[in-house]
Protein backbone atom coordinates (compact mmCIF):
# COMPACT_ATOMS: atom_id res chain seq x y z
CA MET A 1 -56.86 -14.13 -21.24
CA THR A 2 -56.56 -13.51 -17.51
CA ILE A 3 -53.32 -14.31 -15.71
CA ARG A 4 -54.06 -16.73 -12.93
CA PRO A 5 -53.58 -15.21 -9.43
CA GLU A 6 -51.32 -18.08 -8.38
CA LEU A 7 -48.84 -17.16 -11.12
CA ILE A 8 -48.69 -13.59 -9.86
CA GLU A 9 -48.22 -14.84 -6.33
CA GLN A 10 -45.49 -17.23 -7.48
CA LEU A 11 -43.66 -14.35 -9.17
CA ARG A 12 -43.92 -12.14 -6.09
CA SER A 13 -42.78 -14.93 -3.81
CA ARG A 14 -39.80 -15.70 -6.00
CA ARG A 15 -38.84 -12.05 -6.31
CA ALA A 16 -39.04 -11.60 -2.54
CA LYS A 17 -36.85 -14.66 -1.99
CA LEU A 18 -34.21 -13.34 -4.39
CA THR A 19 -34.18 -9.76 -3.13
CA GLN A 20 -34.57 -10.35 0.62
CA ASN A 21 -31.78 -12.85 1.15
CA VAL A 22 -30.33 -11.05 4.18
CA SER A 23 -32.16 -11.41 7.51
CA ASP A 24 -33.15 -8.40 9.61
CA GLU A 25 -30.72 -9.53 12.32
CA LYS A 26 -27.81 -9.69 9.88
CA LEU A 27 -28.73 -6.30 8.43
CA ALA A 28 -28.72 -4.77 11.90
CA ALA A 29 -25.29 -6.26 12.58
CA LEU A 30 -23.98 -4.80 9.30
CA HIS A 31 -25.36 -1.37 10.13
CA VAL A 32 -23.60 -1.33 13.49
CA LYS A 33 -20.30 -1.74 11.61
CA GLY A 34 -21.14 1.03 9.15
CA LEU A 35 -21.83 -1.49 6.40
CA LEU A 36 -24.78 -1.79 4.05
CA SER A 37 -26.02 -4.82 2.19
CA ALA A 38 -25.40 -5.04 -1.54
CA ARG A 39 -28.93 -3.85 -2.34
CA GLU A 40 -28.87 -1.11 0.28
CA ARG A 41 -25.77 0.34 -1.39
CA LEU A 42 -27.66 0.74 -4.64
CA ASP A 43 -30.72 2.11 -2.84
CA ALA A 44 -28.50 4.73 -1.16
CA LEU A 45 -26.85 5.65 -4.46
CA PHE A 46 -29.94 6.18 -6.60
CA ASP A 47 -32.96 8.40 -6.32
CA ALA A 48 -35.88 6.46 -4.88
CA GLY A 49 -37.87 4.44 -7.41
CA THR A 50 -35.41 4.88 -10.32
CA PHE A 51 -33.36 1.67 -10.11
CA GLN A 52 -34.17 -1.03 -12.66
CA GLU A 53 -32.48 -4.35 -12.15
CA LEU A 54 -30.94 -6.45 -14.88
CA GLY A 55 -30.75 -10.24 -14.51
CA LEU A 56 -32.41 -10.75 -11.13
CA HIS A 57 -33.27 -14.37 -11.99
CA ALA A 58 -29.95 -15.23 -13.65
CA SER A 59 -28.02 -17.93 -11.79
CA HIS A 60 -25.39 -20.50 -12.63
CA SER A 61 -25.82 -22.63 -9.51
CA ALA A 62 -27.52 -25.63 -11.09
CA THR A 63 -24.42 -26.56 -13.08
CA LEU A 64 -21.79 -25.91 -10.40
CA PHE A 65 -19.76 -28.65 -8.75
CA GLY A 66 -21.37 -29.56 -5.42
CA MET A 67 -24.08 -26.90 -5.79
CA ALA A 68 -26.99 -28.93 -7.16
CA GLY A 69 -30.30 -27.67 -5.81
CA ARG A 70 -28.76 -24.61 -4.13
CA GLU A 71 -29.99 -21.25 -5.31
CA LEU A 72 -27.66 -18.26 -5.53
CA PRO A 73 -29.81 -15.09 -5.43
CA ALA A 74 -28.94 -12.92 -8.44
CA ASP A 75 -25.78 -15.04 -8.72
CA GLY A 76 -24.12 -12.83 -6.14
CA VAL A 77 -24.32 -9.49 -7.95
CA ILE A 78 -27.09 -6.90 -8.33
CA ALA A 79 -26.79 -5.00 -11.61
CA GLY A 80 -28.88 -2.26 -13.19
CA SER A 81 -29.24 1.46 -13.69
CA GLY A 82 -30.92 4.40 -12.01
CA TYR A 83 -30.86 8.17 -11.72
CA LEU A 84 -29.01 10.75 -9.67
CA GLY A 85 -31.13 13.77 -10.44
CA ASN A 86 -31.02 13.99 -14.24
CA LEU A 87 -27.91 11.82 -14.53
CA GLN A 88 -28.38 8.17 -15.41
CA VAL A 89 -25.78 5.85 -13.86
CA ALA A 90 -25.12 2.17 -14.41
CA ALA A 91 -24.05 0.19 -11.36
CA PHE A 92 -23.44 -3.25 -9.96
CA SER A 93 -23.02 -4.39 -6.38
CA GLN A 94 -21.43 -7.69 -5.37
CA ASP A 95 -23.22 -9.53 -2.58
CA ILE A 96 -20.82 -10.96 0.00
CA ASN A 97 -23.74 -12.94 1.46
CA VAL A 98 -24.06 -15.10 -1.65
CA LEU A 99 -21.17 -17.54 -1.86
CA ALA A 100 -18.85 -14.80 -0.52
CA GLY A 101 -19.67 -12.62 -3.51
CA SER A 102 -17.41 -14.84 -5.61
CA LEU A 103 -17.31 -14.23 -9.34
CA GLY A 104 -18.26 -16.91 -11.82
CA LYS A 105 -19.26 -16.91 -15.46
CA MET A 106 -22.87 -15.78 -14.87
CA GLN A 107 -21.90 -13.01 -12.48
CA ALA A 108 -19.33 -11.84 -15.03
CA ARG A 109 -21.99 -11.90 -17.76
CA LYS A 110 -24.23 -9.66 -15.69
CA ILE A 111 -21.41 -7.23 -14.92
CA ASN A 112 -20.39 -7.12 -18.57
CA ARG A 113 -23.97 -6.59 -19.71
CA ILE A 114 -24.47 -3.53 -17.51
CA MET A 115 -21.07 -2.15 -18.48
CA ARG A 116 -21.85 -2.53 -22.18
CA HIS A 117 -25.21 -0.86 -21.53
CA ALA A 118 -23.31 2.09 -20.03
CA LEU A 119 -21.06 2.19 -23.08
CA LYS A 120 -23.96 2.19 -25.54
CA ILE A 121 -25.84 5.03 -23.91
CA GLY A 122 -22.84 6.93 -22.55
CA VAL A 123 -23.31 6.96 -18.78
CA PRO A 124 -20.97 6.46 -15.79
CA VAL A 125 -20.40 3.09 -14.12
CA VAL A 126 -20.24 2.64 -10.34
CA ALA A 127 -19.00 -0.73 -9.08
CA PHE A 128 -19.41 -1.85 -5.46
CA LYS A 129 -16.71 -4.48 -4.90
CA ASP A 130 -17.26 -6.94 -2.06
CA SER A 131 -16.05 -10.37 -3.10
CA GLY A 132 -13.88 -13.24 -1.96
CA GLY A 133 -12.49 -13.59 -5.49
CA ALA A 134 -12.88 -16.23 -8.16
CA ARG A 135 -15.58 -18.89 -7.63
CA ILE A 136 -13.59 -22.07 -7.06
CA GLN A 137 -16.49 -24.31 -8.10
CA GLU A 138 -16.35 -22.89 -11.63
CA GLY A 139 -12.64 -23.38 -12.28
CA VAL A 140 -11.47 -21.81 -15.51
CA ASP A 141 -14.94 -20.38 -16.18
CA ALA A 142 -14.33 -17.96 -13.32
CA LEU A 143 -10.99 -16.90 -14.81
CA SER A 144 -12.67 -16.42 -18.17
CA GLY A 145 -15.27 -14.25 -16.45
CA TYR A 146 -12.59 -12.02 -14.98
CA GLY A 147 -11.00 -11.67 -18.40
CA ASP A 148 -14.33 -10.53 -19.84
CA VAL A 149 -14.72 -7.92 -17.09
CA PHE A 150 -11.18 -6.59 -17.56
CA TYR A 151 -11.74 -6.30 -21.30
CA SER A 152 -14.91 -4.29 -20.68
CA ASN A 153 -13.04 -2.03 -18.24
CA VAL A 154 -10.49 -1.29 -20.97
CA LEU A 155 -13.21 -0.81 -23.57
CA LEU A 156 -15.03 1.75 -21.39
CA SER A 157 -11.84 3.51 -20.35
CA GLY A 158 -11.70 6.99 -21.84
CA VAL A 159 -15.38 6.86 -22.82
CA VAL A 160 -17.41 6.97 -19.58
CA PRO A 161 -16.34 7.54 -15.95
CA GLN A 162 -15.71 4.31 -14.03
CA ILE A 163 -15.73 4.44 -10.23
CA ALA A 164 -14.89 1.47 -8.00
CA VAL A 165 -16.04 1.40 -4.38
CA ILE A 166 -14.21 -1.25 -2.35
CA CYS A 167 -16.51 -2.11 0.57
CA GLY A 168 -14.97 -5.41 1.66
CA PRO A 169 -12.45 -7.89 0.29
CA CYS A 170 -11.18 -7.45 -3.27
CA ALA A 171 -8.75 -10.32 -3.61
CA GLY A 172 -6.50 -11.78 -6.25
CA GLY A 173 -7.34 -11.09 -9.87
CA ALA A 174 -10.43 -9.16 -8.77
CA ALA A 175 -8.14 -6.24 -7.80
CA TYR A 176 -7.26 -5.59 -11.42
CA SER A 177 -10.75 -4.38 -12.31
CA PRO A 178 -10.59 -1.40 -9.89
CA ALA A 179 -7.05 -0.71 -11.09
CA LEU A 180 -8.43 -0.34 -14.62
CA MET A 181 -11.10 2.14 -13.53
CA ASP A 182 -10.80 5.92 -13.21
CA PHE A 183 -11.27 6.30 -9.45
CA VAL A 184 -11.03 3.92 -6.49
CA ILE A 185 -12.75 4.58 -3.15
CA MET A 186 -11.97 2.30 -0.19
CA THR A 187 -13.75 2.19 3.15
CA ARG A 188 -11.31 2.64 6.01
CA GLN A 189 -12.08 -0.33 8.23
CA HIS A 190 -13.54 -3.06 6.03
CA ALA A 191 -12.01 -2.70 2.56
CA HIS A 192 -8.98 -4.79 1.58
CA MET A 193 -7.47 -5.02 -1.88
CA PHE A 194 -4.56 -7.34 -2.60
CA LEU A 195 -3.18 -9.93 -4.98
CA THR A 196 -1.66 -12.15 -2.28
CA GLY A 197 -2.73 -11.97 1.35
CA PRO A 198 -0.57 -12.27 4.48
CA GLU A 199 -0.80 -16.07 4.63
CA VAL A 200 0.45 -16.54 1.07
CA ILE A 201 3.20 -13.97 1.54
CA LYS A 202 4.43 -15.72 4.67
CA ALA A 203 4.28 -19.15 3.03
CA VAL A 204 6.24 -18.02 -0.01
CA THR A 205 8.66 -15.47 1.46
CA GLY A 206 8.68 -16.29 5.16
CA ARG A 207 7.83 -12.69 6.04
CA ALA A 208 5.02 -12.08 8.54
CA THR A 209 2.73 -9.18 7.68
CA THR A 210 -0.82 -7.96 8.25
CA MET A 211 -3.80 -7.33 6.02
CA ALA A 212 -3.53 -3.60 6.74
CA GLU A 213 0.08 -3.56 5.54
CA VAL A 214 -0.59 -5.27 2.22
CA GLY A 215 -4.19 -4.40 1.42
CA GLY A 216 -5.65 -1.80 3.75
CA ALA A 217 -7.22 1.47 2.66
CA GLU A 218 -4.64 3.63 4.45
CA MET A 219 -1.77 1.82 2.76
CA HIS A 220 -3.31 2.09 -0.71
CA ALA A 221 -4.16 5.77 -0.23
CA THR A 222 -0.72 6.80 1.04
CA VAL A 223 1.87 4.27 -0.12
CA SER A 224 0.84 2.32 -3.22
CA GLY A 225 -1.37 5.07 -4.66
CA ASN A 226 -3.99 2.53 -5.75
CA ALA A 227 -6.81 4.27 -3.84
CA HIS A 228 -7.90 7.84 -4.61
CA PHE A 229 -10.22 8.30 -1.61
CA ILE A 230 -10.77 6.82 1.85
CA ALA A 231 -14.35 6.70 3.13
CA GLU A 232 -15.25 6.25 6.78
CA ASP A 233 -18.10 3.84 5.96
CA ASP A 234 -20.39 2.76 3.11
CA ARG A 235 -22.60 5.84 3.25
CA HIS A 236 -19.60 8.15 3.19
CA ALA A 237 -18.27 6.24 0.17
CA ILE A 238 -21.57 6.77 -1.65
CA ALA A 239 -21.48 10.48 -0.78
CA LEU A 240 -17.99 10.64 -2.32
CA VAL A 241 -19.30 8.97 -5.48
CA LYS A 242 -22.05 11.57 -5.81
CA GLN A 243 -19.62 14.43 -5.18
CA LEU A 244 -17.20 13.06 -7.77
CA LEU A 245 -19.93 12.67 -10.39
CA SER A 246 -20.97 16.29 -9.78
CA TYR A 247 -17.73 17.37 -11.51
CA LEU A 248 -17.75 14.90 -14.42
CA PRO A 249 -19.72 14.65 -17.66
CA PRO A 250 -21.59 11.41 -18.34
CA ASN A 251 -19.20 10.56 -21.19
CA ASN A 252 -16.26 11.84 -23.22
CA THR A 253 -18.39 13.60 -25.84
CA GLU A 254 -20.08 15.96 -23.39
CA ASP A 255 -18.90 18.87 -21.28
CA PRO A 256 -18.63 18.79 -17.49
CA PRO A 257 -21.56 20.22 -15.51
CA HIS A 258 -20.42 23.85 -15.54
CA HIS A 259 -22.55 26.45 -13.77
CA LEU A 260 -22.22 29.17 -16.38
CA ALA A 261 -24.93 31.35 -14.87
CA GLU A 262 -22.40 32.16 -12.14
CA PRO A 263 -21.17 35.74 -12.76
CA ILE A 264 -17.52 36.73 -12.99
CA ASP A 265 -16.69 39.13 -10.18
CA GLU A 266 -13.71 41.28 -11.19
CA THR A 267 -13.10 42.51 -7.64
CA ALA A 268 -9.42 42.10 -6.74
CA ASP A 269 -8.63 39.82 -3.80
CA ALA A 270 -6.06 41.77 -1.79
CA GLU A 271 -5.90 39.07 0.90
CA ILE A 272 -4.30 36.57 -1.46
CA ASN A 273 -1.09 38.57 -1.02
CA ASP A 274 -0.97 37.34 2.57
CA CYS A 275 -0.51 33.80 1.25
CA VAL A 276 3.01 34.67 0.07
CA PRO A 277 5.65 34.62 2.84
CA ASP A 278 7.88 37.68 3.16
CA ASP A 279 10.98 35.48 3.05
CA ALA A 280 11.52 34.07 -0.45
CA PHE A 281 13.06 30.95 1.10
CA GLU A 282 10.03 30.23 3.29
CA PRO A 283 7.63 27.71 1.71
CA LEU A 284 4.25 28.87 0.46
CA ASP A 285 1.24 26.78 1.50
CA MET A 286 -0.45 26.17 -1.84
CA TYR A 287 -3.76 25.24 -0.21
CA SER A 288 -4.10 28.83 1.00
CA VAL A 289 -3.88 30.03 -2.61
CA ILE A 290 -6.22 27.37 -4.01
CA HIS A 291 -8.90 28.13 -1.43
CA ARG A 292 -8.87 31.81 -2.43
CA VAL A 293 -9.06 31.07 -6.16
CA VAL A 294 -11.82 28.42 -6.33
CA ASP A 295 -15.54 28.87 -5.64
CA GLY A 296 -16.39 28.74 -1.96
CA GLY A 297 -12.82 27.69 -1.20
CA GLU A 298 -13.91 24.12 -2.03
CA LEU A 299 -11.34 21.75 -3.51
CA PHE A 300 -12.45 18.13 -3.99
CA GLU A 301 -8.98 16.70 -3.60
CA VAL A 302 -8.02 13.46 -5.33
CA HIS A 303 -5.19 11.26 -4.01
CA ALA A 304 -4.93 13.55 -0.98
CA GLY A 305 -2.68 11.21 1.02
CA PHE A 306 -0.39 10.12 -1.81
CA ALA A 307 2.59 12.14 -3.08
CA ARG A 308 1.61 15.16 -1.00
CA ASN A 309 4.26 17.33 -2.68
CA ILE A 310 1.73 17.83 -5.46
CA ILE A 311 -1.99 18.60 -5.15
CA VAL A 312 -4.65 17.49 -7.63
CA GLY A 313 -8.41 17.78 -7.45
CA PHE A 314 -11.63 19.18 -8.86
CA ALA A 315 -13.14 22.58 -8.19
CA ARG A 316 -15.10 25.37 -9.87
CA ILE A 317 -13.90 28.84 -10.75
CA CYS A 318 -16.87 31.17 -11.22
CA GLY A 319 -18.95 28.11 -12.09
CA VAL A 320 -16.54 26.45 -14.53
CA VAL A 321 -15.43 22.94 -13.54
CA VAL A 322 -11.63 22.69 -13.46
CA GLY A 323 -8.95 20.21 -12.56
CA ILE A 324 -6.36 21.77 -10.26
CA VAL A 325 -2.72 20.64 -10.42
CA ALA A 326 -0.45 22.47 -7.97
CA ASN A 327 2.96 22.05 -6.38
CA GLN A 328 2.94 21.99 -2.58
CA PRO A 329 6.13 23.64 -1.30
CA MET A 330 5.24 22.64 2.27
CA VAL A 331 6.19 19.04 1.38
CA MET A 332 9.64 18.25 -0.03
CA ALA A 333 9.82 21.94 -1.05
CA GLY A 334 7.36 21.08 -3.81
CA ALA A 335 9.96 19.15 -5.81
CA LEU A 336 8.67 16.58 -8.28
CA ASP A 337 9.52 12.97 -7.50
CA LEU A 338 8.51 9.58 -8.91
CA ASN A 339 5.11 9.43 -7.25
CA ALA A 340 4.25 13.10 -7.79
CA ALA A 341 4.94 12.72 -11.51
CA ASP A 342 2.68 9.67 -11.74
CA LYS A 343 -0.07 11.34 -9.72
CA ALA A 344 -0.07 14.52 -11.80
CA ALA A 345 0.17 12.73 -15.16
CA ARG A 346 -2.72 10.40 -14.35
CA PHE A 347 -4.93 13.27 -13.20
CA VAL A 348 -4.19 15.42 -16.26
CA ARG A 349 -5.04 12.50 -18.55
CA THR A 350 -8.31 11.97 -16.65
CA CYS A 351 -9.22 15.63 -17.05
CA ASN A 352 -8.41 15.48 -20.76
CA ILE A 353 -10.65 12.45 -21.29
CA PHE A 354 -13.64 14.22 -19.78
CA ASN A 355 -13.03 17.70 -21.23
CA VAL A 356 -12.20 19.25 -17.85
CA PRO A 357 -10.02 22.39 -18.14
CA VAL A 358 -6.70 22.10 -16.28
CA VAL A 359 -5.44 24.94 -14.10
CA THR A 360 -1.81 24.49 -13.05
CA LEU A 361 -0.35 26.47 -10.14
CA VAL A 362 3.44 26.46 -10.16
CA ASP A 363 6.00 26.85 -7.39
CA VAL A 364 8.55 24.15 -8.15
CA PRO A 365 12.32 24.04 -7.52
CA GLY A 366 12.92 21.09 -9.85
CA PHE A 367 12.88 17.32 -9.91
CA LEU A 368 13.99 15.73 -6.64
CA PRO A 369 17.70 14.86 -6.84
CA GLY A 370 19.05 11.59 -5.49
CA VAL A 371 20.38 8.15 -6.33
CA GLU A 372 17.05 6.53 -5.44
CA GLN A 373 15.16 8.83 -7.76
CA GLU A 374 17.51 8.23 -10.68
CA ARG A 375 17.55 4.46 -10.16
CA GLY A 376 13.78 4.52 -9.70
CA GLY A 377 13.37 5.98 -13.18
CA ILE A 378 12.68 9.68 -12.56
CA ILE A 379 13.40 10.33 -16.25
CA ARG A 380 10.65 7.91 -17.27
CA HIS A 381 8.23 9.09 -14.61
CA GLY A 382 8.88 12.77 -15.28
CA ALA A 383 8.34 12.14 -18.99
CA LYS A 384 4.81 10.97 -18.10
CA MET A 385 3.98 14.53 -17.05
CA LEU A 386 5.37 15.92 -20.30
CA SER A 387 3.38 13.34 -22.27
CA ALA A 388 0.18 13.97 -20.30
CA TYR A 389 0.29 17.74 -20.66
CA GLY A 390 1.52 17.64 -24.25
CA SER A 391 -1.28 15.32 -25.34
CA CYS A 392 -4.00 17.15 -23.37
CA THR A 393 -6.34 19.07 -25.69
CA ALA A 394 -8.63 20.36 -22.93
CA PRO A 395 -8.16 24.03 -22.00
CA LYS A 396 -4.90 24.53 -20.08
CA ILE A 397 -4.05 27.62 -18.03
CA THR A 398 -0.87 27.94 -15.97
CA VAL A 399 -0.08 30.42 -13.21
CA ILE A 400 3.55 30.71 -12.06
CA LEU A 401 3.53 31.98 -8.48
CA ARG A 402 7.19 31.78 -7.54
CA LYS A 403 9.85 29.25 -8.60
CA ALA A 404 9.79 27.47 -11.96
CA TYR A 405 13.23 26.00 -12.61
CA GLY A 406 14.67 23.73 -15.26
CA GLY A 407 12.77 20.77 -16.61
CA SER A 408 10.13 21.10 -13.90
CA TYR A 409 9.08 24.44 -15.47
CA LEU A 410 8.20 22.52 -18.63
CA ALA A 411 6.70 19.57 -16.76
CA MET A 412 4.25 21.93 -15.00
CA CYS A 413 2.68 22.90 -18.33
CA SER A 414 4.62 25.78 -19.79
CA GLN A 415 3.50 27.51 -22.98
CA GLU A 416 5.82 25.21 -24.94
CA MET A 417 3.90 22.18 -23.59
CA GLY A 418 0.63 23.51 -24.96
CA ALA A 419 -0.67 25.84 -22.25
CA ASP A 420 -3.27 28.13 -23.81
CA MET A 421 -2.44 30.93 -21.38
CA VAL A 422 0.40 31.35 -18.89
CA PHE A 423 0.19 34.02 -16.21
CA ALA A 424 2.95 34.91 -13.76
CA TRP A 425 2.96 36.79 -10.50
CA PRO A 426 5.62 39.48 -9.98
CA THR A 427 7.24 37.07 -7.49
CA ALA A 428 7.83 34.47 -10.23
CA GLU A 429 11.33 33.24 -11.09
CA ILE A 430 11.69 31.35 -14.37
CA ALA A 431 15.15 30.03 -15.12
CA VAL A 432 17.31 26.97 -15.70
CA MET A 433 18.08 26.91 -11.98
CA GLY A 434 17.79 29.05 -8.87
CA ALA A 435 19.78 32.28 -8.77
CA GLU A 436 22.00 31.11 -5.89
CA ALA A 437 23.00 27.93 -7.68
CA ALA A 438 23.56 29.79 -10.94
CA VAL A 439 25.83 32.31 -9.25
CA ARG A 440 27.93 29.57 -7.65
CA ILE A 441 28.53 28.11 -11.11
CA LEU A 442 28.88 31.28 -13.17
CA TYR A 443 30.83 33.43 -10.72
CA ARG A 444 32.91 30.89 -8.83
CA LYS A 445 36.24 32.65 -9.40
CA GLU A 446 34.85 36.09 -8.57
CA LEU A 447 33.32 34.80 -5.35
CA ASP A 448 36.58 33.14 -4.34
CA GLN A 449 38.32 36.52 -4.64
CA ALA A 450 35.61 38.60 -2.95
CA GLU A 451 36.34 40.14 0.45
CA ASP A 452 32.81 39.32 1.68
CA ARG A 453 31.89 36.21 -0.25
CA GLN A 454 28.37 35.91 1.20
CA ALA A 455 27.41 39.53 0.57
CA ARG A 456 28.75 39.40 -2.99
CA ALA A 457 26.82 36.15 -3.62
CA VAL A 458 23.60 37.80 -2.48
CA GLU A 459 24.26 40.78 -4.72
CA LEU A 460 25.04 38.66 -7.76
CA ALA A 461 22.00 36.46 -7.15
CA GLN A 462 19.72 39.49 -7.24
CA GLU A 463 21.41 40.70 -10.43
CA TYR A 464 20.86 37.25 -11.97
CA ARG A 465 17.16 37.31 -11.02
CA ASP A 466 16.66 40.74 -12.51
CA GLU A 467 18.49 39.96 -15.75
CA PHE A 468 17.61 36.31 -16.42
CA ALA A 469 14.86 34.99 -14.11
CA SER A 470 12.41 37.89 -13.84
CA PRO A 471 8.88 37.20 -15.15
CA TYR A 472 9.28 40.30 -17.31
CA VAL A 473 12.14 38.64 -19.17
CA SER A 474 9.85 35.73 -20.07
CA ALA A 475 7.03 38.14 -20.89
CA SER A 476 9.27 40.16 -23.21
CA ASN A 477 10.04 36.95 -25.10
CA PHE A 478 6.31 36.06 -25.12
CA TYR A 479 6.88 32.85 -23.18
CA ILE A 480 4.11 33.93 -20.81
CA THR A 481 0.83 35.67 -21.57
CA ASP A 482 0.98 38.34 -18.89
CA VAL A 483 2.38 39.31 -15.51
CA ILE A 484 -0.57 39.83 -13.20
CA GLU A 485 -1.24 41.02 -9.68
CA PRO A 486 -1.96 38.07 -7.36
CA GLY A 487 -5.27 39.67 -6.39
CA ASP A 488 -6.48 39.43 -9.99
CA THR A 489 -5.78 35.70 -10.32
CA ARG A 490 -9.30 34.41 -9.69
CA TRP A 491 -11.19 36.66 -12.06
CA MET A 492 -8.54 36.46 -14.79
CA LEU A 493 -8.67 32.67 -14.64
CA ALA A 494 -12.47 32.79 -14.74
CA LEU A 495 -12.50 35.04 -17.80
CA ALA A 496 -9.88 32.99 -19.62
CA LEU A 497 -11.72 29.74 -18.85
CA ARG A 498 -15.00 31.05 -20.30
CA LYS A 499 -13.17 32.03 -23.49
CA LEU A 500 -11.51 28.62 -23.80
CA LEU A 501 -14.58 26.42 -23.28
CA ASP A 502 -15.14 26.14 -27.04
CA LYS A 503 -11.51 25.22 -27.67
CA ARG A 504 -11.00 22.67 -30.46
CA GLU A 505 -7.54 21.29 -31.15
CA LEU A 506 -6.85 18.76 -33.87
CA ARG A 507 -3.98 16.28 -33.58
CA PRO A 508 -2.34 13.92 -36.10
CA ALA A 509 -4.37 10.78 -36.75
CA LYS A 510 -3.07 7.89 -34.63
CA LYS A 511 -4.28 5.13 -32.33
CA HIS A 512 -2.67 6.73 -29.28
CA GLY A 513 0.63 8.14 -28.15
CA ASN A 514 3.20 5.88 -26.48
CA ILE A 515 3.31 7.28 -22.95
CA PRO A 516 6.45 6.30 -20.99
CA MET A 517 5.12 3.57 -18.68
């Protein structure tokens, strides 16, 4: 039987109508703004010729209130899978040009189908969000659709990487789907994510505000912490997706893409000593240390603008993918506060899910004191770090550079919190508190009677460091693995990481631990 030519032509005509729903003039206008169409985003993500679409002809328009006879191309979302090199990725892209990209039951079905496909075969999900929210014409069906999507987000969480790219509006309940994913990228100028916009806020509270204040990328990246990355435009956002995926495995049963052919160079790095200020009270810039330890000095920082007193991000050390967690003494002296604790705990849990070894660099004076911190729940937030590190079964290596005082010593992954190896520099101080504070408490009467109180305080502080806070004291009690020269840090980390890649750690059978929320 021969298929009639008119049927082939009908198919091609219909396919063209569904896939070419944006005029050349509108595309040109989008490109001027740094925007891509929904299909162009997928074309830019995947290798040419590898994308296969799912549900091109699916549409719910015929049954919608006031929509009889109107066709909604792909029901406002393009879904399917393709390849990035050898990595298969599932993706969907909402189309703002089709009924404002609004989500209804059919669009939700398509999104759920591609997400369940990703779950079955164990591949990452990339979601391009560009939608006005729930489709009003569908009423409760739209709300049901959102519920289905959220449930799939939770189902995939901890199994495959989920990355949300906010390219335009992400309003109302739609914002919860990105919040349930592993990483959120927002474009600087055009992305907005919010539950209630400025008009609603003013109507309900009387307060005038702007979209940038309540939903802009800068706000979410620096204040709320909802966004992990800011992209300058759509193409930059896609480049960030590709870079992020280059550090992650396709699913939780596989290892990250290590480059184990990379040799371990045991040459000492004498210049790392220059990173440490001569004055013990002068803050150390942790970035200068990180850049000397990781391959090519390249840190792919996550949450760079949020809680800048702690640094988290991905890198490689002699080819091994690692998650870096490091105090930043240049900001708030590196003290841990509410947001820093949340940021670090979330990142450690993400690394654990995807079998990424965690390298923790410590220079921390403690948890930030203050009424606001206590009333804000610093106990609960700090406990998140303890829970995250304690439950992490991925390889964990800690390096104590200088200060490690009190509970923050434990919160930054001490041996007692499950670190597989703990190294310390000779400049490390490990104690309940700093020597100066300890002396003021322990030797108050003696200082009051001293002829030169300040000189005696300095003398006693040094005695306290030597006797109680020296790294050799901790080493003698086997609380740390070794005291090392700073110049040996990179190659010793590299060697330890190679030895820990086959680490297997069994835990008691349970559904999950009850992390302090």
